[in-house]
Each structure stands twice: as C-alpha cells, then as structure tokens.
C-alpha cells in the first residue's frame, strides 16, 4: 500500500484573480471565510464536510486551521461584508419608501 503525503501548506491558496484574493481551499472555489461562517454557526468540521460534499475532512480542517491562525483577518472581512450588506439593504428600503 502506497501512502500519499500531503503538504498542508498546499491546501489553502491565495490568488488575486480568485475570490478577490481571499484565501480559498486549493482546487476548489470554496473560501476559508465560507468555512468560518459555517463553523461560527456551530457546525463541527465533520458536519461541514457532510454539508460540503466536494471537500475532504482534511480540506475543512486546513480551512479551520487557517481561520484560527488568521482570525482577525477573516473576522474583519466578514464584518466588512455584513456592513456593506446592511448599507445596501438600507438604501434599498429607503428607495422602496420613496417610490411608494
């Protein structure tokens, strides 16, 4: 039996042409922040792997490891995205009221 050794440093990549340069799981379009959101919602690594069947448990753990090692970066990115969403929603509802 042949064992394949995976360098865990190859599991998470950044490419400015993919997902705005945010860290993603290599060979997938799945961002680390997507895994972080599921984790913050209370899902375990195993549950995330079951939800996202295209990912291996090793990929999920690599994303979680990246998240924990770079928590401030990912949490700031998530907070900025939430603020942008709330701002756009506010503009949308103001526009609806104005046009009613």
PDB file of N, CA and C in Angstrom:
ATOM      1  N   UNK A   1       0.839  -1.174   0.000  1.00  0.00           N
ATOM      2  CA  UNK A   1       0.000   0.000   0.000  1.00  0.00           C
ATOM      3  C   UNK A   1       0.889   1.245   0.000  1.00  0.00           C
ATOM      4  N   UNK A   2       0.591   2.182  -0.911  1.00  0.00           N
ATOM      5  CA  UNK A   2       1.340   3.421  -1.027  1.00  0.00           C
ATOM      6  C   UNK A   2       0.604   4.518  -0.269  1.00  0.00           C
ATOM      7  N   UNK A   3       1.350   5.242   0.534  1.00  0.00           N
ATOM      8  CA  UNK A   3       0.779   6.348   1.277  1.00  0.00           C
ATOM      9  C   UNK A   3       1.157   7.651   0.594  1.00  0.00           C
ATOM     10  N   UNK A   4       0.170   8.511   0.405  1.00  0.00           N
ATOM     11  CA  UNK A   4       0.417   9.815  -0.183  1.00  0.00           C
ATOM     12  C   UNK A   4       0.551  10.833   0.939  1.00  0.00           C
ATOM     13  N   UNK A   5       1.633  11.568   0.919  1.00  0.00           N
ATOM     14  CA  UNK A   5       1.860  12.604   1.912  1.00  0.00           C
ATOM     15  C   UNK A   5       1.452  13.940   1.312  1.00  0.00           C
ATOM     16  N   UNK A   6       0.644  14.691   2.052  1.00  0.00           N
ATOM     17  CA  UNK A   6       0.177  15.988   1.587  1.00  0.00           C
ATOM     18  C   UNK A   6       0.816  17.068   2.443  1.00  0.00           C
ATOM     19  N   UNK A   7       1.460  18.009   1.798  1.00  0.00           N
ATOM     20  CA  UNK A   7       1.998  19.178   2.493  1.00  0.00           C
ATOM     21  C   UNK A   7       0.820  20.082   2.814  1.00  0.00           C
ATOM     22  N   UNK A   8       0.506  20.254   4.101  1.00  0.00           N
ATOM     23  CA  UNK A   8      -0.691  21.023   4.458  1.00  0.00           C
ATOM     24  C   UNK A   8      -0.610  22.469   4.001  1.00  0.00           C
ATOM     25  N   UNK A   9       0.578  22.945   3.740  1.00  0.00           N
ATOM     26  CA  UNK A   9       0.740  24.302   3.225  1.00  0.00           C
ATOM     27  C   UNK A   9       0.206  24.479   1.813  1.00  0.00           C
ATOM     28  N   UNK A  10      -0.103  23.378   1.153  1.00  0.00           N
ATOM     29  CA  UNK A  10      -0.635  23.454  -0.207  1.00  0.00           C
ATOM     30  C   UNK A  10      -2.164  23.420  -0.243  1.00  0.00           C
ATOM     31  N   UNK A  11      -2.797  23.248   0.892  1.00  0.00           N
ATOM     32  CA  UNK A  11      -4.254  23.091   0.919  1.00  0.00           C
ATOM     33  C   UNK A  11      -5.006  24.415   0.845  1.00  0.00           C
ATOM     34  N   UNK A  12      -4.390  25.499   1.276  1.00  0.00           N
ATOM     35  CA  UNK A  12      -5.007  26.828   1.232  1.00  0.00           C
ATOM     36  C   UNK A  12      -4.146  27.716   0.338  1.00  0.00           C
ATOM     37  N   UNK A  13      -4.786  28.396  -0.600  1.00  0.00           N
ATOM     38  CA  UNK A  13      -4.050  29.277  -1.508  1.00  0.00           C
ATOM     39  C   UNK A  13      -4.692  30.654  -1.548  1.00  0.00           C
ATOM     40  N   UNK A  14      -3.945  31.604  -2.060  1.00  0.00           N
ATOM     41  CA  UNK A  14      -4.437  32.941  -2.366  1.00  0.00           C
ATOM     42  C   UNK A  14      -4.054  33.254  -3.798  1.00  0.00           C
ATOM     43  N   UNK A  15      -5.008  33.756  -4.525  1.00  0.00           N
ATOM     44  CA  UNK A  15      -4.760  34.180  -5.901  1.00  0.00           C
ATOM     45  C   UNK A  15      -5.598  35.431  -6.105  1.00  0.00           C
ATOM     46  N   UNK A  16      -4.969  36.531  -6.438  1.00  0.00           N
ATOM     47  CA  UNK A  16      -5.722  37.787  -6.561  1.00  0.00           C
ATOM     48  C   UNK A  16      -6.805  37.720  -7.638  1.00  0.00           C
ATOM     49  N   UNK A  17      -6.710  36.727  -8.521  1.00  0.00           N
ATOM     50  CA  UNK A  17      -7.725  36.549  -9.573  1.00  0.00           C
ATOM     51  C   UNK A  17      -8.895  35.670  -9.133  1.00  0.00           C
ATOM     52  N   UNK A  18      -8.799  35.089  -7.948  1.00  0.00           N
ATOM     53  CA  UNK A  18      -9.858  34.220  -7.438  1.00  0.00           C
ATOM     54  C   UNK A  18     -10.398  34.765  -6.125  1.00  0.00           C
ATOM     55  N   UNK A  19     -11.704  34.949  -6.058  1.00  0.00           N
ATOM     56  CA  UNK A  19     -12.372  35.393  -4.831  1.00  0.00           C
ATOM     57  C   UNK A  19     -11.746  36.659  -4.250  1.00  0.00           C
ATOM     58  N   UNK A  20     -11.329  37.553  -5.124  1.00  0.00           N
ATOM     59  CA  UNK A  20     -10.774  38.820  -4.668  1.00  0.00           C
ATOM     60  C   UNK A  20      -9.493  38.688  -3.870  1.00  0.00           C
ATOM     61  N   UNK A  21      -8.787  37.602  -4.059  1.00  0.00           N
ATOM     62  CA  UNK A  21      -7.531  37.395  -3.338  1.00  0.00           C
ATOM     63  C   UNK A  21      -7.714  36.819  -1.945  1.00  0.00           C
ATOM     64  N   UNK A  22      -8.959  36.524  -1.583  1.00  0.00           N
ATOM     65  CA  UNK A  22      -9.200  35.914  -0.263  1.00  0.00           C
ATOM     66  C   UNK A  22      -8.676  34.478  -0.278  1.00  0.00           C
ATOM     67  N   UNK A  23      -8.311  33.961   0.882  1.00  0.00           N
ATOM     68  CA  UNK A  23      -7.814  32.587   0.938  1.00  0.00           C
ATOM     69  C   UNK A  23      -8.921  31.588   0.591  1.00  0.00           C
ATOM     70  N   UNK A  24      -8.564  30.615  -0.239  1.00  0.00           N
ATOM     71  CA  UNK A  24      -9.506  29.569  -0.634  1.00  0.00           C
ATOM     72  C   UNK A  24      -8.858  28.202  -0.470  1.00  0.00           C
ATOM     73  N   UNK A  25      -9.696  27.196  -0.449  1.00  0.00           N
ATOM     74  CA  UNK A  25      -9.209  25.826  -0.411  1.00  0.00           C
ATOM     75  C   UNK A  25      -8.746  25.485  -1.827  1.00  0.00           C
ATOM     76  N   UNK A  26      -7.505  25.055  -1.950  1.00  0.00           N
ATOM     77  CA  UNK A  26      -6.908  24.757  -3.251  1.00  0.00           C
ATOM     78  C   UNK A  26      -7.772  23.785  -4.050  1.00  0.00           C
ATOM     79  N   UNK A  27      -7.820  24.034  -5.357  1.00  0.00           N
ATOM     80  CA  UNK A  27      -8.542  23.200  -6.315  1.00  0.00           C
ATOM     81  C   UNK A  27     -10.056  23.218  -6.096  1.00  0.00           C
ATOM     82  N   UNK A  28     -10.538  24.209  -5.353  1.00  0.00           N
ATOM     83  CA  UNK A  28     -11.985  24.401  -5.168  1.00  0.00           C
ATOM     84  C   UNK A  28     -12.242  25.900  -5.271  1.00  0.00           C
ATOM     85  N   UNK A  29     -13.476  26.274  -5.316  1.00  0.00           N
ATOM     86  CA  UNK A  29     -13.813  27.691  -5.260  1.00  0.00           C
ATOM     87  C   UNK A  29     -14.265  28.097  -3.874  1.00  0.00           C
ATOM     88  N   UNK A  30     -14.050  27.230  -2.911  1.00  0.00           N
ATOM     89  CA  UNK A  30     -14.556  27.453  -1.558  1.00  0.00           C
ATOM     90  C   UNK A  30     -13.600  28.306  -0.748  1.00  0.00           C
ATOM     91  N   UNK A  31     -14.126  29.420  -0.241  1.00  0.00           N
ATOM     92  CA  UNK A  31     -13.279  30.322   0.546  1.00  0.00           C
ATOM     93  C   UNK A  31     -13.187  29.855   1.997  1.00  0.00           C
ATOM     94  N   UNK A  32     -12.092  30.229   2.625  1.00  0.00           N
ATOM     95  CA  UNK A  32     -11.910  29.947   4.042  1.00  0.00           C
ATOM     96  C   UNK A  32     -13.013  30.628   4.843  1.00  0.00           C
ATOM     97  N   UNK A  33     -13.408  31.829   4.417  1.00  0.00           N
ATOM     98  CA  UNK A  33     -14.442  32.524   5.184  1.00  0.00           C
ATOM     99  C   UNK A  33     -15.770  31.797   5.123  1.00  0.00           C
ATOM    100  N   UNK A  34     -16.071  31.082   4.038  1.00  0.00           N
ATOM    101  CA  UNK A  34     -17.303  30.281   3.971  1.00  0.00           C
ATOM    102  C   UNK A  34     -17.273  29.186   5.026  1.00  0.00           C
ATOM    103  N   UNK A  35     -16.128  28.546   5.178  1.00  0.00           N
ATOM    104  CA  UNK A  35     -15.968  27.511   6.199  1.00  0.00           C
ATOM    105  C   UNK A  35     -16.065  28.149   7.579  1.00  0.00           C
ATOM    106  N   UNK A  36     -15.460  29.320   7.749  1.00  0.00           N
ATOM    107  CA  UNK A  36     -15.503  30.024   9.035  1.00  0.00           C
ATOM    108  C   UNK A  36     -16.938  30.366   9.425  1.00  0.00           C
ATOM    109  N   UNK A  37     -17.743  30.797   8.470  1.00  0.00           N
ATOM    110  CA  UNK A  37     -19.148  31.128   8.756  1.00  0.00           C
ATOM    111  C   UNK A  37     -19.885  29.890   9.252  1.00  0.00           C
ATOM    112  N   UNK A  38     -19.719  28.780   8.566  1.00  0.00           N
ATOM    113  CA  UNK A  38     -20.382  27.545   8.993  1.00  0.00           C
ATOM    114  C   UNK A  38     -19.916  27.124  10.380  1.00  0.00           C
ATOM    115  N   UNK A  39     -18.628  27.276  10.645  1.00  0.00           N
ATOM    116  CA  UNK A  39     -18.058  26.946  11.946  1.00  0.00           C
ATOM    117  C   UNK A  39     -18.636  27.860  13.038  1.00  0.00           C
ATOM    118  N   UNK A  40     -18.713  29.145  12.732  1.00  0.00           N
ATOM    119  CA  UNK A  40     -19.242  30.107  13.703  1.00  0.00           C
ATOM    120  C   UNK A  40     -20.731  29.899  13.963  1.00  0.00           C
ATOM    121  N   UNK A  41     -21.421  29.234  13.031  1.00  0.00           N
ATOM    122  CA  UNK A  41     -22.832  28.889  13.220  1.00  0.00           C
ATOM    123  C   UNK A  41     -22.998  27.648  14.098  1.00  0.00           C
ATOM    124  N   UNK A  42     -21.872  27.087  14.521  1.00  0.00           N
ATOM    125  CA  UNK A  42     -21.924  25.947  15.440  1.00  0.00           C
ATOM    126  C   UNK A  42     -21.672  24.590  14.811  1.00  0.00           C
ATOM    127  N   UNK A  43     -21.313  24.558  13.536  1.00  0.00           N
ATOM    128  CA  UNK A  43     -21.032  23.293  12.859  1.00  0.00           C
ATOM    129  C   UNK A  43     -19.626  22.809  13.173  1.00  0.00           C
ATOM    130  N   UNK A  44     -19.482  21.518  13.399  1.00  0.00           N
ATOM    131  CA  UNK A  44     -18.155  20.922  13.580  1.00  0.00           C
ATOM    132  C   UNK A  44     -17.514  20.714  12.215  1.00  0.00           C
ATOM    133  N   UNK A  45     -16.238  20.379  12.216  1.00  0.00           N
ATOM    134  CA  UNK A  45     -15.542  20.101  10.953  1.00  0.00           C
ATOM    135  C   UNK A  45     -16.221  18.946  10.216  1.00  0.00           C
ATOM    136  N   UNK A  46     -16.610  17.925  10.946  1.00  0.00           N
ATOM    137  CA  UNK A  46     -17.268  16.778  10.332  1.00  0.00           C
ATOM    138  C   UNK A  46     -18.617  17.175   9.719  1.00  0.00           C
ATOM    139  N   UNK A  47     -19.370  18.023  10.416  1.00  0.00           N
ATOM    140  CA  UNK A  47     -20.646  18.486   9.877  1.00  0.00           C
ATOM    141  C   UNK A  47     -20.443  19.330   8.615  1.00  0.00           C
ATOM    142  N   UNK A  48     -19.418  20.174   8.638  1.00  0.00           N
ATOM    143  CA  UNK A  48     -19.118  20.988   7.456  1.00  0.00           C
ATOM    144  C   UNK A  48     -18.764  20.096   6.280  1.00  0.00           C
ATOM    145  N   UNK A  49     -17.959  19.073   6.501  1.00  0.00           N
ATOM    146  CA  UNK A  49     -17.582  18.140   5.428  1.00  0.00           C
ATOM    147  C   UNK A  49     -18.816  17.411   4.890  1.00  0.00           C
ATOM    148  N   UNK A  50     -19.772  17.109   5.763  1.00  0.00           N
ATOM    149  CA  UNK A  50     -21.006  16.456   5.294  1.00  0.00           C
ATOM    150  C   UNK A  50     -21.863  17.427   4.480  1.00  0.00           C
ATOM    151  N   UNK A  51     -21.884  18.705   4.882  1.00  0.00           N
ATOM    152  CA  UNK A  51     -22.653  19.716   4.155  1.00  0.00           C
ATOM    153  C   UNK A  51     -22.025  20.042   2.804  1.00  0.00           C
ATOM    154  N   UNK A  52     -20.718  20.090   2.771  1.00  0.00           N
ATOM    155  CA  UNK A  52     -19.979  20.477   1.567  1.00  0.00           C
ATOM    156  C   UNK A  52     -19.260  19.240   1.035  1.00  0.00           C
ATOM    157  N   UNK A  53     -20.019  18.408   0.359  1.00  0.00           N
ATOM    158  CA  UNK A  53     -19.538  17.085  -0.020  1.00  0.00           C
ATOM    159  C   UNK A  53     -18.350  17.086  -0.979  1.00  0.00           C
ATOM    160  N   UNK A  54     -18.084  18.232  -1.600  1.00  0.00           N
ATOM    161  CA  UNK A  54     -16.930  18.305  -2.513  1.00  0.00           C
ATOM    162  C   UNK A  54     -15.614  18.508  -1.763  1.00  0.00           C
ATOM    163  N   UNK A  55     -15.690  18.688  -0.443  1.00  0.00           N
ATOM    164  CA  UNK A  55     -14.486  18.896   0.361  1.00  0.00           C
ATOM    165  C   UNK A  55     -14.169  17.661   1.190  1.00  0.00           C
ATOM    166  N   UNK A  56     -12.888  17.402   1.364  1.00  0.00           N
ATOM    167  CA  UNK A  56     -12.464  16.327   2.269  1.00  0.00           C
ATOM    168  C   UNK A  56     -12.382  16.892   3.677  1.00  0.00           C
ATOM    169  N   UNK A  57     -12.358  16.014   4.643  1.00  0.00           N
ATOM    170  CA  UNK A  57     -12.224  16.455   6.031  1.00  0.00           C
ATOM    171  C   UNK A  57     -10.884  17.180   6.226  1.00  0.00           C
ATOM    172  N   UNK A  58      -9.846  16.749   5.516  1.00  0.00           N
ATOM    173  CA  UNK A  58      -8.536  17.412   5.607  1.00  0.00           C
ATOM    174  C   UNK A  58      -8.627  18.852   5.110  1.00  0.00           C
ATOM    175  N   UNK A  59      -9.372  19.073   4.024  1.00  0.00           N
ATOM    176  CA  UNK A  59      -9.534  20.432   3.499  1.00  0.00           C
ATOM    177  C   UNK A  59     -10.298  21.310   4.485  1.00  0.00           C
ATOM    178  N   UNK A  60     -11.321  20.757   5.110  1.00  0.00           N
ATOM    179  CA  UNK A  60     -12.095  21.522   6.095  1.00  0.00           C
ATOM    180  C   UNK A  60     -11.206  21.882   7.277  1.00  0.00           C
ATOM    181  N   UNK A  61     -10.460  20.920   7.791  1.00  0.00           N
ATOM    182  CA  UNK A  61      -9.554  21.209   8.905  1.00  0.00           C
ATOM    183  C   UNK A  61      -8.478  22.218   8.512  1.00  0.00           C
ATOM    184  N   UNK A  62      -7.996  22.154   7.276  1.00  0.00           N
ATOM    185  CA  UNK A  62      -6.999  23.138   6.824  1.00  0.00           C
ATOM    186  C   UNK A  62      -7.608  24.536   6.827  1.00  0.00           C
ATOM    187  N   UNK A  63      -8.852  24.648   6.358  1.00  0.00           N
ATOM    188  CA  UNK A  63      -9.524  25.953   6.357  1.00  0.00           C
ATOM    189  C   UNK A  63      -9.744  26.449   7.780  1.00  0.00           C
ATOM    190  N   UNK A  64     -10.142  25.559   8.669  1.00  0.00           N
ATOM    191  CA  UNK A  64     -10.345  25.958  10.065  1.00  0.00           C
ATOM    192  C   UNK A  64      -9.024  26.347  10.732  1.00  0.00           C
ATOM    193  N   UNK A  65      -7.973  25.638  10.396  1.00  0.00           N
ATOM    194  CA  UNK A  65      -6.656  25.990  10.936  1.00  0.00           C
ATOM    195  C   UNK A  65      -6.241  27.371  10.440  1.00  0.00           C
ATOM    196  N   UNK A  66      -6.452  27.622   9.149  1.00  0.00           N
ATOM    197  CA  UNK A  66      -6.138  28.944   8.602  1.00  0.00           C
ATOM    198  C   UNK A  66      -6.967  30.004   9.309  1.00  0.00           C
ATOM    199  N   UNK A  67      -8.249  29.731   9.487  1.00  0.00           N
ATOM    200  CA  UNK A  67      -9.125  30.686  10.168  1.00  0.00           C
ATOM    201  C   UNK A  67      -8.619  30.993  11.575  1.00  0.00           C
ATOM    202  N   UNK A  68      -8.309  29.974  12.341  1.00  0.00           N
ATOM    203  CA  UNK A  68      -7.855  30.201  13.716  1.00  0.00           C
ATOM    204  C   UNK A  68      -6.507  30.915  13.769  1.00  0.00           C
ATOM    205  N   UNK A  69      -5.648  30.652  12.797  1.00  0.00           N
ATOM    206  CA  UNK A  69      -4.333  31.313  12.752  1.00  0.00           C
ATOM    207  C   UNK A  69      -4.436  32.757  12.275  1.00  0.00           C
ATOM    208  N   UNK A  70      -5.523  33.077  11.560  1.00  0.00           N
ATOM    209  CA  UNK A  70      -5.698  34.411  10.965  1.00  0.00           C
ATOM    210  C   UNK A  70      -7.088  34.959  11.278  1.00  0.00           C
ATOM    211  N   UNK A  71      -7.549  34.719  12.491  1.00  0.00           N
ATOM    212  CA  UNK A  71      -8.915  35.040  12.891  1.00  0.00           C
ATOM    213  C   UNK A  71      -9.255  36.519  12.698  1.00  0.00           C
ATOM    214  N   UNK A  72      -8.359  37.401  13.075  1.00  0.00           N
ATOM    215  CA  UNK A  72      -8.644  38.840  12.954  1.00  0.00           C
ATOM    216  C   UNK A  72      -8.904  39.219  11.497  1.00  0.00           C
ATOM    217  N   UNK A  73      -8.098  38.703  10.581  1.00  0.00           N
ATOM    218  CA  UNK A  73      -8.264  38.994   9.153  1.00  0.00           C
ATOM    219  C   UNK A  73      -9.620  38.511   8.640  1.00  0.00           C
ATOM    220  N   UNK A  74      -9.960  37.270   8.936  1.00  0.00           N
ATOM    221  CA  UNK A  74     -11.206  36.691   8.429  1.00  0.00           C
ATOM    222  C   UNK A  74     -12.414  37.359   9.083  1.00  0.00           C
ATOM    223  N   UNK A  75     -12.366  37.564  10.400  1.00  0.00           N
ATOM    224  CA  UNK A  75     -13.490  38.201  11.093  1.00  0.00           C
ATOM    225  C   UNK A  75     -13.701  39.638  10.629  1.00  0.00           C
ATOM    226  N   UNK A  76     -12.618  40.359  10.353  1.00  0.00           N
ATOM    227  CA  UNK A  76     -12.731  41.726   9.823  1.00  0.00           C
ATOM    228  C   UNK A  76     -13.374  41.696   8.444  1.00  0.00           C
ATOM    229  N   UNK A  77     -12.950  40.773   7.609  1.00  0.00           N
ATOM    230  CA  UNK A  77     -13.519  40.627   6.267  1.00  0.00           C
ATOM    231  C   UNK A  77     -15.016  40.333   6.352  1.00  0.00           C
ATOM    232  N   UNK A  78     -15.410  39.433   7.249  1.00  0.00           N
ATOM    233  CA  UNK A  78     -16.826  39.103   7.418  1.00  0.00           C
ATOM    234  C   UNK A  78     -17.622  40.300   7.928  1.00  0.00           C
ATOM    235  N   UNK A  79     -17.052  41.038   8.871  1.00  0.00           N
ATOM    236  CA  UNK A  79     -17.738  42.215   9.414  1.00  0.00           C
ATOM    237  C   UNK A  79     -17.905  43.291   8.345  1.00  0.00           C
ATOM    238  N   UNK A  80     -16.890  43.493   7.515  1.00  0.00           N
ATOM    239  CA  UNK A  80     -16.986  44.480   6.428  1.00  0.00           C
ATOM    240  C   UNK A  80     -18.052  44.070   5.415  1.00  0.00           C
ATOM    241  N   UNK A  81     -18.123  42.801   5.105  1.00  0.00           N
ATOM    242  CA  UNK A  81     -19.141  42.325   4.173  1.00  0.00           C
ATOM    243  C   UNK A  81     -20.539  42.513   4.762  1.00  0.00           C
ATOM    244  N   UNK A  82     -20.705  42.224   6.050  1.00  0.00           N
ATOM    245  CA  UNK A  82     -22.001  42.399   6.705  1.00  0.00           C
ATOM    246  C   UNK A  82     -22.401  43.867   6.709  1.00  0.00           C
ATOM    247  N   UNK A  83     -21.462  44.762   6.990  1.00  0.00           N
ATOM    248  CA  UNK A  83     -21.750  46.200   6.993  1.00  0.00           C
ATOM    249  C   UNK A  83     -22.162  46.675   5.602  1.00  0.00           C
ATOM    250  N   UNK A  84     -21.476  46.177   4.582  1.00  0.00           N
ATOM    251  CA  UNK A  84     -21.829  46.551   3.205  1.00  0.00           C
ATOM    252  C   UNK A  84     -23.226  46.049   2.856  1.00  0.00           C
ATOM    253  N   UNK A  85     -23.551  44.831   3.276  1.00  0.00           N
ATOM    254  CA  UNK A  85     -24.879  44.277   3.030  1.00  0.00           C
ATOM    255  C   UNK A  85     -25.949  45.129   3.713  1.00  0.00           C
ATOM    256  N   UNK A  86     -25.717  45.482   4.968  1.00  0.00           N
ATOM    257  CA  UNK A  86     -26.687  46.280   5.713  1.00  0.00           C
ATOM    258  C   UNK A  86     -26.873  47.656   5.081  1.00  0.00           C
ATOM    259  N   UNK A  87     -25.788  48.243   4.605  1.00  0.00           N
ATOM    260  CA  UNK A  87     -25.874  49.546   3.945  1.00  0.00           C
ATOM    261  C   UNK A  87     -26.718  49.455   2.666  1.00  0.00           C
ATOM    262  N   UNK A  88     -26.464  48.441   1.858  1.00  0.00           N
ATOM    263  CA  UNK A  88     -27.230  48.261   0.627  1.00  0.00           C
ATOM    264  C   UNK A  88     -28.704  47.973   0.926  1.00  0.00           C
ATOM    265  N   UNK A  89     -28.970  47.184   1.950  1.00  0.00           N
ATOM    266  CA  UNK A  89     -30.355  46.893   2.326  1.00  0.00           C
ATOM    267  C   UNK A  89     -31.069  48.168   2.767  1.00  0.00           C
ATOM    268  N   UNK A  90     -30.370  48.992   3.523  1.00  0.00           N
ATOM    269  CA  UNK A  90     -30.947  50.263   3.968  1.00  0.00           C
ATOM    270  C   UNK A  90     -31.277  51.160   2.772  1.00  0.00           C
ATOM    271  N   UNK A  91     -30.363  51.253   1.823  1.00  0.00           N
ATOM    272  CA  UNK A  91     -30.614  52.051   0.622  1.00  0.00           C
ATOM    273  C   UNK A  91     -31.804  51.496  -0.159  1.00  0.00           C
ATOM    274  N   UNK A  92     -31.889  50.205  -0.256  1.00  0.00           N
ATOM    275  CA  UNK A  92     -32.983  49.563  -0.978  1.00  0.00           C
ATOM    276  C   UNK A  92     -34.326  49.897  -0.319  1.00  0.00           C
ATOM    277  N   UNK A  93     -34.406  49.769   0.991  1.00  0.00           N
ATOM    278  CA  UNK A  93     -35.670  50.038   1.676  1.00  0.00           C
ATOM    279  C   UNK A  93     -36.035  51.518   1.632  1.00  0.00           C
ATOM    280  N   UNK A  94     -35.045  52.385   1.684  1.00  0.00           N
ATOM    281  CA  UNK A  94     -35.324  53.818   1.532  1.00  0.00           C
ATOM    282  C   UNK A  94     -35.882  54.099   0.141  1.00  0.00           C
ATOM    283  N   UNK A  95     -35.312  53.451  -0.859  1.00  0.00           N
ATOM    284  CA  UNK A  95     -35.770  53.621  -2.236  1.00  0.00           C
ATOM    285  C   UNK A  95     -37.210  53.109  -2.382  1.00  0.00           C
ATOM    286  N   UNK A  96     -37.530  52.004  -1.752  1.00  0.00           N
ATOM    287  CA  UNK A  96     -38.886  51.474  -1.813  1.00  0.00           C
ATOM    288  C   UNK A  96     -39.885  52.454  -1.193  1.00  0.00           C
ATOM    289  N   UNK A  97     -39.526  53.048  -0.064  1.00  0.00           N
ATOM    290  CA  UNK A  97     -40.405  54.003   0.615  1.00  0.00           C
ATOM    291  C   UNK A  97     -40.602  55.258  -0.238  1.00  0.00           C
ATOM    292  N   UNK A  98     -39.528  55.714  -0.877  1.00  0.00           N
ATOM    293  CA  UNK A  98     -39.585  56.917  -1.700  1.00  0.00           C
ATOM    294  C   UNK A  98     -40.476  56.703  -2.918  1.00  0.00           C
ATOM    295  N   UNK A  99     -40.452  55.506  -3.476  1.00  0.00           N
ATOM    296  CA  UNK A  99     -41.209  55.208  -4.687  1.00  0.00           C
ATOM    297  C   UNK A  99     -42.629  54.697  -4.408  1.00  0.00           C
ATOM    298  N   UNK A 100     -43.020  54.614  -3.148  1.00  0.00           N
ATOM    299  CA  UNK A 100     -44.370  54.115  -2.827  1.00  0.00           C
ATOM    300  C   UNK A 100     -45.394  55.212  -2.864  1.00  0.00           C
TER     301      UNK A 100
END
